[in-house]
C-alpha atoms as a PDB file:
ATOM      1  CA  MET A   1       3.975  -0.243  -4.057  1.00  0.00           C
ATOM      2  CA  PRO A   2       7.616  -0.847  -4.899  1.00  0.00           C
ATOM      3  CA  ASP A   3       9.720  -3.134  -2.725  1.00  0.00           C
ATOM      4  CA  TRP A   4      11.911  -0.239  -1.590  1.00  0.00           C
ATOM      5  CA  LEU A   5       9.015   1.383   0.267  1.00  0.00           C
ATOM      6  CA  PRO A   6       9.009   0.298   3.904  1.00  0.00           C
ATOM      7  CA  PRO A   7       5.720  -1.047   5.218  1.00  0.00           C
ATOM      8  CA  HIS A   8       3.887   1.761   6.973  1.00  0.00           C
ATOM      9  CA  TYR A   9       0.388   1.811   8.322  1.00  0.00           C
ATOM     10  CA  SER A  10      -2.165   4.442   9.284  1.00  0.00           C
ATOM     11  CA  ALA A  11      -5.054   4.138  11.725  1.00  0.00           C
ATOM     12  CA  PHE A  12      -8.090   6.406  11.604  1.00  0.00           C
ATOM     13  CA  GLU A  13     -10.891   6.831  14.097  1.00  0.00           C
ATOM     14  CA  GLY A  14     -13.584   8.217  11.864  1.00  0.00           C
ATOM     15  CA  THR A  15     -11.986  11.215  10.143  1.00  0.00           C
ATOM     16  CA  ARG A  16      -9.166  11.596  12.706  1.00  0.00           C
ATOM     17  CA  LEU A  17      -5.701  10.130  12.150  1.00  0.00           C
ATOM     18  CA  LEU A  18      -4.776   8.138  15.267  1.00  0.00           C
ATOM     19  CA  ALA A  19      -1.329   6.884  14.322  1.00  0.00           C
ATOM     20  CA  LYS A  20       1.064   6.389  11.451  1.00  0.00           C
ATOM     21  CA  GLY A  21       4.093   4.116  11.433  1.00  0.00           C
ATOM     22  CA  GLU A  22       4.983   0.481  11.898  1.00  0.00           C
ATOM     23  CA  LEU A  23       2.182  -2.011  12.483  1.00  0.00           C
ATOM     24  CA  PRO A  24       2.767  -2.772  16.194  1.00  0.00           C
ATOM     25  CA  GLU A  25       2.686   0.933  17.107  1.00  0.00           C
ATOM     26  CA  VAL A  26      -0.385   1.613  14.971  1.00  0.00           C
ATOM     27  CA  ALA A  27      -2.167  -1.481  16.298  1.00  0.00           C
ATOM     28  CA  MET A  28      -1.588  -0.377  19.890  1.00  0.00           C
ATOM     29  CA  ARG A  29      -3.026   3.090  19.200  1.00  0.00           C
ATOM     30  CA  ALA A  30      -6.054   1.532  17.491  1.00  0.00           C
ATOM     31  CA  LYS A  31      -6.520  -0.811  20.467  1.00  0.00           C
ATOM     32  CA  GLU A  32      -6.338   2.134  22.892  1.00  0.00           C
ATOM     33  CA  ALA A  33      -9.039   3.937  20.906  1.00  0.00           C
ATOM     34  CA  LEU A  34     -11.295   0.888  20.834  1.00  0.00           C
ATOM     35  CA  ASP A  35     -10.740   0.098  24.506  1.00  0.00           C
ATOM     36  CA  GLY A  36     -11.490   3.755  25.300  1.00  0.00           C
ATOM     37  CA  GLY A  37     -14.882   3.553  23.605  1.00  0.00           C
ATOM     38  CA  ALA A  38     -14.083   4.954  20.151  1.00  0.00           C
ATOM     39  CA  GLU A  39     -16.918   7.139  18.918  1.00  0.00           C
ATOM     40  CA  ALA A  40     -16.336   6.249  15.266  1.00  0.00           C
ATOM     41  CA  PRO A  41     -15.107   3.160  13.375  1.00  0.00           C
ATOM     42  CA  VAL A  42     -11.383   2.490  13.681  1.00  0.00           C
ATOM     43  CA  LEU A  43      -9.748   1.511  10.389  1.00  0.00           C
ATOM     44  CA  ILE A  44      -6.134   0.534   9.747  1.00  0.00           C
ATOM     45  CA  PHE A  45      -4.652   0.975   6.262  1.00  0.00           C
ATOM     46  CA  ASP A  46      -1.498  -0.425   4.682  1.00  0.00           C
ATOM     47  CA  ASP A  47      -0.090   2.830   3.277  1.00  0.00           C
ATOM     48  CA  ARG A  48       1.607   1.090   0.343  1.00  0.00           C
ATOM     49  CA  THR A  49      -1.708  -0.172  -1.065  1.00  0.00           C
ATOM     50  CA  SER A  50      -4.407   1.492   1.099  1.00  0.00           C
ATOM     51  CA  ARG A  51      -5.916  -1.921   1.670  1.00  0.00           C
ATOM     52  CA  LEU A  52      -7.638  -2.303   5.004  1.00  0.00           C
ATOM     53  CA  VAL A  53      -5.730  -4.404   7.527  1.00  0.00           C
ATOM     54  CA  GLU A  54      -7.844  -6.757   9.631  1.00  0.00           C
ATOM     55  CA  LEU A  55      -6.370  -7.256  13.084  1.00  0.00           C
ATOM     56  CA  ASP A  56      -7.563  -9.089  16.156  1.00  0.00           C
ATOM     57  CA  LEU A  57      -7.186  -6.389  18.820  1.00  0.00           C
ATOM     58  CA  ARG A  58      -8.851  -8.364  21.625  1.00  0.00           C
ATOM     59  CA  GLY A  59      -7.050  -9.186  24.836  1.00  0.00           C
ATOM     60  CA  GLN A  60      -4.003  -7.713  26.510  1.00  0.00           C
ATOM     61  CA  PRO A  61      -1.472  -5.658  24.517  1.00  0.00           C
ATOM     62  CA  GLU A  62       1.078  -8.497  24.726  1.00  0.00           C
ATOM     63  CA  GLU A  63      -1.427 -10.895  23.153  1.00  0.00           C
ATOM     64  CA  VAL A  64      -2.156  -8.477  20.312  1.00  0.00           C
ATOM     65  CA  LEU A  65       1.557  -7.956  19.633  1.00  0.00           C
ATOM     66  CA  ARG A  66       2.186 -11.713  19.713  1.00  0.00           C
ATOM     67  CA  ARG A  67      -0.480 -12.220  17.031  1.00  0.00           C
ATOM     68  CA  LEU A  68       1.324  -9.658  14.839  1.00  0.00           C
ATOM     69  CA  GLU A  69       4.544 -11.689  14.803  1.00  0.00           C
ATOM     70  CA  PRO A  70       5.272 -13.359  11.466  1.00  0.00           C
ATOM     71  CA  PRO A  71       4.635 -17.105  11.272  1.00  0.00           C
ATOM     72  CA  PRO A  72       7.644 -19.419  11.607  1.00  0.00           C
ATOM     73  CA  ARG A  73       9.586 -20.005   8.429  1.00  0.00           C
ATOM     74  CA  ARG A  74       8.895 -23.140   6.483  1.00  0.00           C
ATOM     75  CA  PRO A  75      11.433 -25.426   4.824  1.00  0.00           C
ATOM     76  CA  GLY A  76      12.853 -24.302   1.510  1.00  0.00           C
ATOM     77  CA  ARG A  77      15.027 -21.323   0.709  1.00  0.00           C
ATOM     78  CA  PRO A  78      13.496 -18.686   3.010  1.00  0.00           C
ATOM     79  CA  LYS A  79      16.696 -16.655   3.361  1.00  0.00           C
ATOM     80  CA  LEU A  80      16.546 -15.928  -0.350  1.00  0.00           C
ATOM     81  CA  GLY A  81      12.879 -15.042  -0.118  1.00  0.00           C
ATOM     82  CA  VAL A  82      11.933 -17.765  -2.594  1.00  0.00           C
ATOM     83  CA  VAL A  83       8.179 -18.246  -2.843  1.00  0.00           C
ATOM     84  CA  ALA A  84       6.669 -21.144  -4.774  1.00  0.00           C
ATOM     85  CA  ARG A  85       3.522 -20.344  -6.772  1.00  0.00           C
ATOM     86  CA  GLU A  86       1.873 -21.810  -9.801  1.00  0.00           C
ATOM     87  CA  VAL A  87       2.430 -20.240 -13.219  1.00  0.00           C
ATOM     88  CA  THR A  88       0.192 -21.130 -16.135  1.00  0.00           C
ATOM     89  CA  LEU A  89       1.714 -20.808 -19.601  1.00  0.00           C
ATOM     90  CA  LEU A  90       1.057 -22.130 -23.070  1.00  0.00           C
ATOM     91  CA  PRO A  91       3.124 -25.124 -24.280  1.00  0.00           C
ATOM     92  CA  ARG A  92       5.230 -22.934 -26.587  1.00  0.00           C
ATOM     93  CA  HIS A  93       6.155 -20.736 -23.603  1.00  0.00           C
ATOM     94  CA  TRP A  94       7.253 -23.745 -21.530  1.00  0.00           C
ATOM     95  CA  GLU A  95       9.253 -25.027 -24.502  1.00  0.00           C
ATOM     96  CA  TRP A  96      11.056 -21.709 -24.869  1.00  0.00           C
ATOM     97  CA  LEU A  97      11.722 -21.483 -21.120  1.00  0.00           C
ATOM     98  CA  SER A  98      13.132 -25.012 -20.992  1.00  0.00           C
ATOM     99  CA  GLN A  99      15.716 -24.052 -23.638  1.00  0.00           C
ATOM    100  CA  GLN A 100      17.033 -21.076 -21.647  1.00  0.00           C
ATOM    101  CA  PRO A 101      20.267 -21.292 -19.644  1.00  0.00           C
ATOM    102  CA  GLY A 102      19.448 -22.090 -16.035  1.00  0.00           C
ATOM    103  CA  GLY A 103      15.952 -23.341 -16.825  1.00  0.00           C
ATOM    104  CA  ALA A 104      12.511 -21.845 -16.460  1.00  0.00           C
ATOM    105  CA  SER A 105      12.950 -20.272 -13.002  1.00  0.00           C
ATOM    106  CA  VAL A 106      16.113 -18.373 -13.940  1.00  0.00           C
ATOM    107  CA  ALA A 107      14.627 -17.204 -17.257  1.00  0.00           C
ATOM    108  CA  LEU A 108      11.424 -16.014 -15.576  1.00  0.00           C
ATOM    109  CA  ARG A 109      13.360 -14.133 -12.888  1.00  0.00           C
ATOM    110  CA  LYS A 110      15.444 -12.391 -15.564  1.00  0.00           C
ATOM    111  CA  LEU A 111      12.334 -11.442 -17.544  1.00  0.00           C
ATOM    112  CA  VAL A 112      10.636 -10.047 -14.448  1.00  0.00           C
ATOM    113  CA  GLU A 113      13.699  -8.020 -13.418  1.00  0.00           C
ATOM    114  CA  GLU A 114      14.016  -6.561 -16.913  1.00  0.00           C
ATOM    115  CA  ALA A 115      10.337  -5.621 -16.955  1.00  0.00           C
ATOM    116  CA  ARG A 116      10.660  -4.016 -13.513  1.00  0.00           C
ATOM    117  CA  ARG A 117      13.552  -1.865 -14.731  1.00  0.00           C
ATOM    118  CA  THR A 118      11.765  -0.917 -17.945  1.00  0.00           C
ATOM    119  CA  TYR A 119       8.380  -0.065 -16.460  1.00  0.00           C
ATOM    120  CA  SER A 120       9.228   0.999 -12.903  1.00  0.00           C
ATOM    121  CA  ASP A 121       8.110   4.650 -13.232  1.00  0.00           C
ATOM    122  CA  THR A 122       4.873   3.710 -14.978  1.00  0.00           C
ATOM    123  CA  ASP A 123       4.189   0.934 -12.475  1.00  0.00           C
ATOM    124  CA  TYR A 124       4.903   3.215  -9.531  1.00  0.00           C
ATOM    125  CA  LYS A 125       2.536   5.884 -10.839  1.00  0.00           C
ATOM    126  CA  ARG A 126      -0.227   3.319 -11.405  1.00  0.00           C
ATOM    127  CA  MET A 127       0.239   1.794  -7.931  1.00  0.00           C
ATOM    128  CA  ALA A 128       0.214   5.250  -6.318  1.00  0.00           C
ATOM    129  CA  GLN A 129      -3.000   6.121  -8.158  1.00  0.00           C
ATOM    130  CA  GLU A 130      -4.617   2.855  -7.074  1.00  0.00           C
ATOM    131  CA  ALA A 131      -3.564   3.280  -3.441  1.00  0.00           C
ATOM    132  CA  CYS A 132      -4.802   6.862  -3.325  1.00  0.00           C
ATOM    133  CA  TYR A 133      -8.081   5.972  -5.020  1.00  0.00           C
ATOM    134  CA  ARG A 134      -8.659   3.037  -2.641  1.00  0.00           C
ATOM    135  CA  PHE A 135      -8.130   5.272   0.409  1.00  0.00           C
ATOM    136  CA  MET A 136     -10.320   8.063  -0.965  1.00  0.00           C
ATOM    137  CA  HIS A 137     -13.093   5.641  -1.883  1.00  0.00           C
ATOM    138  CA  THR A 138     -13.141   4.243   1.659  1.00  0.00           C
ATOM    139  CA  MET A 139     -12.716   7.491   3.590  1.00  0.00           C
ATOM    140  CA  ALA A 140     -14.111  10.187   1.283  1.00  0.00           C
ATOM    141  CA  GLY A 141     -16.386   8.407  -1.185  1.00  0.00           C
ATOM    142  CA  ASP A 142     -19.353  10.440   0.012  1.00  0.00           C
ATOM    143  CA  ARG A 143     -17.467  13.732   0.403  1.00  0.00           C
ATOM    144  CA  PRO A 144     -18.053  16.757  -1.855  1.00  0.00           C
ATOM    145  CA  GLY A 145     -15.808  16.709  -4.911  1.00  0.00           C
ATOM    146  CA  PHE A 146     -14.856  13.028  -4.595  1.00  0.00           C
ATOM    147  CA  GLU A 147     -15.462  12.144  -8.258  1.00  0.00           C
ATOM    148  CA  GLU A 148     -13.747  15.311  -9.468  1.00  0.00           C
ATOM    149  CA  ALA A 149     -10.767  14.567  -7.193  1.00  0.00           C
ATOM    150  CA  VAL A 150     -10.503  11.069  -8.692  1.00  0.00           C
ATOM    151  CA  ARG A 151     -10.501  12.537 -12.193  1.00  0.00           C
ATOM    152  CA  ALA A 152      -7.812  15.055 -11.193  1.00  0.00           C
ATOM    153  CA  LEU A 153      -5.725  12.250  -9.653  1.00  0.00           C
ATOM    154  CA  TYR A 154      -5.779  10.166 -12.835  1.00  0.00           C
ATOM    155  CA  ALA A 155      -5.229  13.246 -15.025  1.00  0.00           C
ATOM    156  CA  GLY A 156      -2.187  14.227 -12.961  1.00  0.00           C
ATOM    157  CA  ASP A 157      -3.731  17.628 -12.169  1.00  0.00           C
ATOM    158  CA  ARG A 158      -2.062  18.460  -8.844  1.00  0.00           C
ATOM    159  CA  VAL A 159      -3.605  21.923  -8.404  1.00  0.00           C
ATOM    160  CA  ARG A 160      -7.169  20.702  -8.913  1.00  0.00           C
ATOM    161  CA  PHE A 161      -6.597  17.589  -6.765  1.00  0.00           C
ATOM    162  CA  GLU A 162      -5.222  19.633  -3.870  1.00  0.00           C
ATOM    163  CA  ARG A 163      -8.016  22.207  -4.111  1.00  0.00           C
ATOM    164  CA  LEU A 164     -10.701  19.503  -4.077  1.00  0.00           C
ATOM    165  CA  THR A 165      -9.220  17.547  -1.160  1.00  0.00           C
ATOM    166  CA  GLU A 166      -8.587  20.609   1.016  1.00  0.00           C
ATOM    167  CA  VAL A 167     -12.317  20.857   1.812  1.00  0.00           C
ATOM    168  CA  TRP A 168     -12.363  17.332   3.270  1.00  0.00           C
ATOM    169  CA  PRO A 169     -11.653  16.698   6.962  1.00  0.00           C
ATOM    170  CA  GLU A 170      -8.056  17.748   7.584  1.00  0.00           C
ATOM    171  CA  ASP A 171      -6.489  14.333   8.281  1.00  0.00           C
ATOM    172  CA  ILE A 172      -8.281  12.628   5.381  1.00  0.00           C
ATOM    173  CA  GLY A 173      -7.330  15.338   2.880  1.00  0.00           C
ATOM    174  CA  ARG A 174      -3.700  15.420   4.046  1.00  0.00           C
ATOM    175  CA  HIS A 175      -3.369  11.635   3.869  1.00  0.00           C
ATOM    176  CA  ALA A 176      -4.914  11.540   0.379  1.00  0.00           C
ATOM    177  CA  ARG A 177      -2.468  14.214  -0.818  1.00  0.00           C
ATOM    178  CA  GLN A 178       0.474  12.276   0.643  1.00  0.00           C
ATOM    179  CA  LEU A 179      -0.663   9.093  -1.095  1.00  0.00           C
ATOM    180  CA  ALA A 180      -1.108  11.000  -4.367  1.00  0.00           C
ATOM    181  CA  GLU A 181       2.495  12.232  -4.446  1.00  0.00           C
ATOM    182  CA  GLY A 182       3.716   9.223  -6.411  1.00  0.00           C
ATOM    183  CA  ALA A 183       0.975   9.740  -8.986  1.00  0.00           C
ATOM    184  CA  LEU A 184       1.317  13.499  -9.264  1.00  0.00           C
ATOM    185  CA  ASN A 185       5.112  13.615  -9.047  1.00  0.00           C
ATOM    186  CA  PRO A 186       6.343  10.272 -10.466  1.00  0.00           C
ATOM    187  CA  ALA A 187       9.794  11.559 -11.433  1.00  0.00           C
ATOM    188  CA  GLY A 188      10.584  12.378  -7.810  1.00  0.00           C
ATOM    189  CA  SER A 189       8.502   9.616  -6.275  1.00  0.00           C
ATOM    190  CA  GLU A 190      11.165   8.385  -3.820  1.00  0.00           C
ATOM    191  CA  GLU A 191      11.784  11.901  -2.533  1.00  0.00           C
ATOM    192  CA  ALA A 192       8.051  12.631  -2.411  1.00  0.00           C
ATOM    193  CA  VAL A 193       7.329   9.537  -0.341  1.00  0.00           C
ATOM    194  CA  ALA A 194      10.189  10.293   2.025  1.00  0.00           C
ATOM    195  CA  ALA A 195       8.903  13.837   2.500  1.00  0.00           C
ATOM    196  CA  GLY A 196       5.374  12.594   3.191  1.00  0.00           C
ATOM    197  CA  ASP A 197       6.345  10.277   6.059  1.00  0.00           C
END
């Protein structure tokens, strides 16, 4: 999801929502459920992507929280958030980049920023669809109306999507509808996300 969305997480015990919020809080609720003999699998989702978050919840709460702390910063330009990764381009692309003011890195950053401005609404809608689909596939893939709900999500059919997800367990349906807001209401996506939290 876009950078402006804060990282939020959701933990489910089976079909029941245990917690929603920042990772330490959600991890502690998941640990409590597991330590209390959870009757169903406990899953933690990153709400921006709906990817499952694997955590080591063994040991005392302080140990779990310590493992959640970010690793120490490495040398470089960490305050700027600079991350070095490999980019593979054709020779003509490297030639063009080398001729740009500021060099390849500056030119690539400018191109990326321009693309982000140009395609932000489309990208946000696509990411919201993917996140919602990923959650539904994991939590409701065997529920009645799943395939029809996916079609409604990608068609932007809010009424049909809501009707189909209302028959699912309450917490799963509600969470799917919250995740779908960016896909079903892309023009007001920031407001929709804020309202859903």
